């Protein structure tokens, strides 16, 4: 099940334990990010090993609109990651609701 911007904001504010991954490009990340670990979509398959210890933790992926992170979710799920969620609407949805507020 995916996650809404409102749910993610609540969970970030509560400092809940999950892995947050930004699958956009570095320049997009530099413009605005939610504090997630940057792993561009094109690198997900090769960099997935850095997530191996967190394979059974909840992983939330996000991008600009939810499309690339949807692909990243599919890739991670196919690789055996058990609890991957996509931020619906991505950063665009976050900014439409909260502007540039991260938490």
N, C-alpha and C. Protein backbone atom coordinates (compact mmCIF):
# COMPACT_ATOMS: atom_id res chain seq x y z
N UNK A 1 0.83 -1.18 0.00
CA UNK A 1 0.00 0.00 0.00
C UNK A 1 0.88 1.25 0.00
N UNK A 2 0.54 2.20 -0.83
CA UNK A 2 1.33 3.41 -0.96
C UNK A 2 0.98 4.40 0.16
N UNK A 3 1.64 5.56 0.15
CA UNK A 3 1.49 6.52 1.23
C UNK A 3 1.20 7.91 0.67
N UNK A 4 0.37 8.66 1.37
CA UNK A 4 0.04 10.02 0.95
C UNK A 4 1.04 11.00 1.56
N UNK A 5 1.06 12.21 1.03
CA UNK A 5 1.93 13.25 1.56
C UNK A 5 1.58 13.54 3.02
N UNK A 6 0.31 13.56 3.34
CA UNK A 6 -0.12 13.83 4.72
C UNK A 6 0.38 12.75 5.68
N UNK A 7 0.24 11.49 5.27
CA UNK A 7 0.71 10.39 6.12
C UNK A 7 2.22 10.48 6.33
N UNK A 8 2.95 10.75 5.24
CA UNK A 8 4.41 10.84 5.35
C UNK A 8 4.81 11.99 6.26
N UNK A 9 4.17 13.13 6.12
CA UNK A 9 4.50 14.28 6.97
C UNK A 9 4.30 13.93 8.44
N UNK A 10 3.19 13.28 8.75
CA UNK A 10 2.92 12.86 10.13
C UNK A 10 4.00 11.92 10.64
N UNK A 11 4.38 10.97 9.81
CA UNK A 11 5.38 9.98 10.22
C UNK A 11 6.76 10.60 10.37
N UNK A 12 7.11 11.55 9.48
CA UNK A 12 8.39 12.25 9.61
C UNK A 12 8.40 13.10 10.89
N UNK A 13 7.31 13.78 11.16
CA UNK A 13 7.20 14.62 12.35
C UNK A 13 7.35 13.81 13.63
N UNK A 14 6.87 12.58 13.60
CA UNK A 14 6.93 11.69 14.76
C UNK A 14 8.26 10.93 14.83
N UNK A 15 9.17 11.21 13.89
CA UNK A 15 10.46 10.51 13.83
C UNK A 15 10.31 8.99 13.82
N UNK A 16 9.32 8.51 13.09
CA UNK A 16 9.11 7.06 13.00
C UNK A 16 10.27 6.41 12.25
N UNK A 17 10.45 5.12 12.50
CA UNK A 17 11.58 4.39 11.94
C UNK A 17 11.20 3.75 10.61
N UNK A 18 11.72 4.31 9.52
CA UNK A 18 11.56 3.75 8.19
C UNK A 18 12.69 4.30 7.33
N UNK A 19 12.86 3.74 6.15
CA UNK A 19 13.90 4.17 5.23
C UNK A 19 13.24 5.03 4.16
N UNK A 20 13.75 6.24 3.96
CA UNK A 20 13.20 7.17 2.97
C UNK A 20 14.21 7.33 1.84
N UNK A 21 13.77 7.03 0.62
CA UNK A 21 14.67 7.07 -0.54
C UNK A 21 14.11 7.98 -1.62
N UNK A 22 14.96 8.89 -2.08
CA UNK A 22 14.64 9.82 -3.17
C UNK A 22 15.26 9.24 -4.44
N UNK A 23 14.42 8.93 -5.45
CA UNK A 23 14.93 8.30 -6.67
C UNK A 23 15.07 9.29 -7.83
N UNK A 24 15.05 10.59 -7.50
CA UNK A 24 15.23 11.61 -8.54
C UNK A 24 16.72 11.78 -8.85
N UNK A 25 17.00 12.70 -9.75
CA UNK A 25 18.38 13.01 -10.12
C UNK A 25 19.00 13.96 -9.09
N UNK A 26 20.34 13.98 -8.99
CA UNK A 26 21.00 14.85 -8.00
C UNK A 26 20.58 16.32 -8.07
N UNK A 27 20.41 16.86 -9.28
CA UNK A 27 20.03 18.27 -9.39
C UNK A 27 18.64 18.53 -8.82
N UNK A 28 17.74 17.55 -8.97
CA UNK A 28 16.39 17.69 -8.41
C UNK A 28 16.46 17.64 -6.88
N UNK A 29 17.28 16.73 -6.40
CA UNK A 29 17.48 16.57 -4.96
C UNK A 29 18.04 17.85 -4.35
N UNK A 30 18.98 18.47 -5.06
CA UNK A 30 19.60 19.71 -4.58
C UNK A 30 18.59 20.85 -4.52
N UNK A 31 17.64 20.88 -5.44
CA UNK A 31 16.62 21.94 -5.46
C UNK A 31 15.68 21.84 -4.27
N UNK A 32 15.25 20.62 -3.94
CA UNK A 32 14.34 20.38 -2.82
C UNK A 32 14.30 18.90 -2.54
N UNK A 33 14.37 18.53 -1.28
CA UNK A 33 14.24 17.12 -0.94
C UNK A 33 13.59 17.00 0.43
N UNK A 34 13.17 15.80 0.74
CA UNK A 34 12.49 15.53 2.00
C UNK A 34 13.42 14.89 3.02
N UNK A 35 14.72 14.89 2.71
CA UNK A 35 15.68 14.32 3.64
C UNK A 35 15.96 12.84 3.40
N UNK A 36 15.44 12.31 2.31
CA UNK A 36 15.68 10.90 2.01
C UNK A 36 17.08 10.67 1.46
N UNK A 37 17.47 9.42 1.45
CA UNK A 37 18.74 9.01 0.87
C UNK A 37 18.61 9.06 -0.65
N UNK A 38 19.54 9.71 -1.32
CA UNK A 38 19.48 9.84 -2.78
C UNK A 38 20.02 8.59 -3.46
N UNK A 39 19.13 7.91 -4.18
CA UNK A 39 19.52 6.78 -5.05
C UNK A 39 18.71 6.96 -6.33
N UNK A 40 19.28 7.66 -7.34
CA UNK A 40 18.53 7.87 -8.58
C UNK A 40 18.00 6.56 -9.16
N UNK A 41 16.84 6.62 -9.79
CA UNK A 41 16.19 5.43 -10.34
C UNK A 41 17.15 4.59 -11.16
N UNK A 42 17.95 5.23 -12.01
CA UNK A 42 18.90 4.50 -12.86
C UNK A 42 19.95 3.73 -12.07
N UNK A 43 20.13 4.05 -10.80
CA UNK A 43 21.13 3.39 -9.96
C UNK A 43 20.53 2.38 -8.98
N UNK A 44 19.21 2.29 -8.93
CA UNK A 44 18.57 1.46 -7.91
C UNK A 44 19.07 0.03 -7.95
N UNK A 45 19.13 -0.58 -9.14
CA UNK A 45 19.53 -1.99 -9.22
C UNK A 45 20.97 -2.19 -8.77
N UNK A 46 21.87 -1.28 -9.14
CA UNK A 46 23.27 -1.46 -8.76
C UNK A 46 23.54 -1.05 -7.31
N UNK A 47 22.77 -0.11 -6.77
CA UNK A 47 23.00 0.39 -5.42
C UNK A 47 22.12 -0.28 -4.37
N UNK A 48 21.31 -1.24 -4.80
CA UNK A 48 20.38 -1.88 -3.88
C UNK A 48 21.11 -2.59 -2.75
N UNK A 49 22.35 -2.96 -2.96
CA UNK A 49 23.10 -3.66 -1.91
C UNK A 49 23.25 -2.80 -0.65
N UNK A 50 23.27 -1.47 -0.81
CA UNK A 50 23.40 -0.62 0.37
C UNK A 50 22.14 -0.62 1.22
N UNK A 51 21.07 -1.20 0.70
CA UNK A 51 19.82 -1.32 1.46
C UNK A 51 19.61 -2.72 2.02
N UNK A 52 20.55 -3.62 1.74
CA UNK A 52 20.33 -5.03 2.08
C UNK A 52 20.02 -5.24 3.56
N UNK A 53 20.70 -4.53 4.44
CA UNK A 53 20.46 -4.70 5.88
C UNK A 53 19.08 -4.20 6.28
N UNK A 54 18.45 -3.44 5.41
CA UNK A 54 17.12 -2.89 5.71
C UNK A 54 16.04 -3.56 4.87
N UNK A 55 16.34 -4.75 4.38
CA UNK A 55 15.46 -5.44 3.45
C UNK A 55 14.05 -5.66 4.00
N UNK A 56 13.93 -5.88 5.29
CA UNK A 56 12.62 -6.16 5.86
C UNK A 56 12.02 -4.96 6.59
N UNK A 57 12.70 -3.81 6.52
CA UNK A 57 12.14 -2.59 7.10
C UNK A 57 11.20 -1.94 6.09
N UNK A 58 10.39 -1.03 6.57
CA UNK A 58 9.54 -0.26 5.66
C UNK A 58 10.42 0.72 4.88
N UNK A 59 10.27 0.70 3.58
CA UNK A 59 11.02 1.60 2.70
C UNK A 59 10.00 2.46 1.95
N UNK A 60 10.17 3.78 2.03
CA UNK A 60 9.29 4.69 1.32
C UNK A 60 10.12 5.38 0.25
N UNK A 61 9.69 5.26 -1.00
CA UNK A 61 10.39 5.87 -2.12
C UNK A 61 9.58 7.04 -2.66
N UNK A 62 10.30 8.06 -3.14
CA UNK A 62 9.60 9.21 -3.73
C UNK A 62 10.40 9.81 -4.87
N UNK A 63 9.68 10.53 -5.74
CA UNK A 63 10.30 11.23 -6.87
C UNK A 63 9.50 12.52 -7.09
N UNK A 64 9.54 13.05 -8.28
CA UNK A 64 8.84 14.30 -8.57
C UNK A 64 7.32 14.11 -8.55
N UNK A 65 6.83 13.08 -9.26
CA UNK A 65 5.38 12.92 -9.40
C UNK A 65 4.84 11.57 -8.94
N UNK A 66 5.72 10.65 -8.62
CA UNK A 66 5.29 9.31 -8.22
C UNK A 66 5.53 8.25 -9.27
N UNK A 67 5.90 8.66 -10.49
CA UNK A 67 6.11 7.70 -11.58
C UNK A 67 7.41 6.92 -11.40
N UNK A 68 8.53 7.63 -11.27
CA UNK A 68 9.82 6.94 -11.11
C UNK A 68 9.87 6.13 -9.82
N UNK A 69 9.30 6.70 -8.77
CA UNK A 69 9.31 5.96 -7.50
C UNK A 69 8.41 4.72 -7.60
N UNK A 70 7.37 4.78 -8.42
CA UNK A 70 6.56 3.60 -8.67
C UNK A 70 7.38 2.50 -9.33
N UNK A 71 8.23 2.90 -10.27
CA UNK A 71 9.13 1.92 -10.91
C UNK A 71 10.13 1.38 -9.90
N UNK A 72 10.68 2.27 -9.06
CA UNK A 72 11.64 1.83 -8.04
C UNK A 72 10.98 0.85 -7.08
N UNK A 73 9.73 1.12 -6.71
CA UNK A 73 8.99 0.21 -5.83
C UNK A 73 8.88 -1.17 -6.48
N UNK A 74 8.56 -1.21 -7.77
CA UNK A 74 8.44 -2.48 -8.48
C UNK A 74 9.77 -3.23 -8.50
N UNK A 75 10.84 -2.51 -8.78
CA UNK A 75 12.18 -3.12 -8.81
C UNK A 75 12.52 -3.71 -7.45
N UNK A 76 12.36 -2.91 -6.40
CA UNK A 76 12.70 -3.38 -5.05
C UNK A 76 11.85 -4.57 -4.63
N UNK A 77 10.56 -4.52 -4.96
CA UNK A 77 9.66 -5.62 -4.62
C UNK A 77 10.09 -6.90 -5.33
N UNK A 78 10.44 -6.78 -6.62
CA UNK A 78 10.90 -7.94 -7.38
C UNK A 78 12.21 -8.49 -6.83
N UNK A 79 12.99 -7.64 -6.17
CA UNK A 79 14.27 -8.08 -5.60
C UNK A 79 14.11 -8.59 -4.17
N UNK A 80 12.88 -8.72 -3.71
CA UNK A 80 12.63 -9.35 -2.41
C UNK A 80 12.44 -8.40 -1.25
N UNK A 81 12.37 -7.10 -1.51
CA UNK A 81 12.11 -6.15 -0.43
C UNK A 81 10.63 -6.25 -0.10
N UNK A 82 10.33 -6.42 1.18
CA UNK A 82 9.00 -6.86 1.56
C UNK A 82 8.00 -5.75 1.88
N UNK A 83 8.48 -4.54 2.18
CA UNK A 83 7.54 -3.50 2.62
C UNK A 83 7.94 -2.16 1.98
N UNK A 84 7.66 -2.03 0.68
CA UNK A 84 8.03 -0.83 -0.06
C UNK A 84 6.77 -0.04 -0.37
N UNK A 85 6.81 1.27 -0.11
CA UNK A 85 5.66 2.14 -0.37
C UNK A 85 6.12 3.32 -1.23
N UNK A 86 5.23 3.78 -2.08
CA UNK A 86 5.48 4.90 -2.98
C UNK A 86 4.73 6.12 -2.48
N UNK A 87 5.41 7.28 -2.45
CA UNK A 87 4.74 8.53 -2.09
C UNK A 87 3.85 8.96 -3.26
N UNK A 88 2.55 8.88 -3.06
CA UNK A 88 1.59 9.23 -4.11
C UNK A 88 1.71 10.71 -4.47
N UNK A 89 1.91 10.98 -5.76
CA UNK A 89 2.02 12.36 -6.23
C UNK A 89 3.40 12.97 -6.04
N UNK A 90 4.28 12.26 -5.34
CA UNK A 90 5.67 12.68 -5.18
C UNK A 90 5.84 14.06 -4.55
N UNK A 91 6.98 14.66 -4.86
CA UNK A 91 7.33 15.97 -4.32
C UNK A 91 6.33 17.04 -4.78
N UNK A 92 5.78 16.88 -5.97
CA UNK A 92 4.80 17.85 -6.45
C UNK A 92 3.58 17.90 -5.52
N UNK A 93 3.11 16.74 -5.10
CA UNK A 93 1.97 16.67 -4.19
C UNK A 93 2.36 17.24 -2.82
N UNK A 94 3.55 16.89 -2.34
CA UNK A 94 4.04 17.41 -1.06
C UNK A 94 4.05 18.95 -1.09
N UNK A 95 4.65 19.51 -2.15
CA UNK A 95 4.76 20.97 -2.22
C UNK A 95 3.40 21.64 -2.41
N UNK A 96 2.46 20.99 -3.08
CA UNK A 96 1.14 21.59 -3.24
C UNK A 96 0.41 21.65 -1.89
N UNK A 97 0.71 20.73 -1.00
CA UNK A 97 0.06 20.69 0.32
C UNK A 97 0.83 21.50 1.37
N UNK A 98 2.17 21.43 1.32
CA UNK A 98 2.98 21.96 2.41
C UNK A 98 4.02 22.98 1.96
N UNK A 99 4.07 23.33 0.70
CA UNK A 99 5.10 24.25 0.21
C UNK A 99 6.48 23.62 0.35
N UNK A 100 7.41 24.39 0.85
CA UNK A 100 8.77 23.88 1.00
C UNK A 100 9.05 23.34 2.40
N UNK A 101 8.02 23.18 3.22
CA UNK A 101 8.21 22.61 4.56
C UNK A 101 8.59 21.15 4.44
N UNK A 102 9.64 20.77 5.16
CA UNK A 102 10.04 19.37 5.14
C UNK A 102 9.34 18.59 6.22
N UNK A 103 9.12 19.21 7.35
CA UNK A 103 8.42 18.51 8.44
C UNK A 103 7.36 19.42 9.01
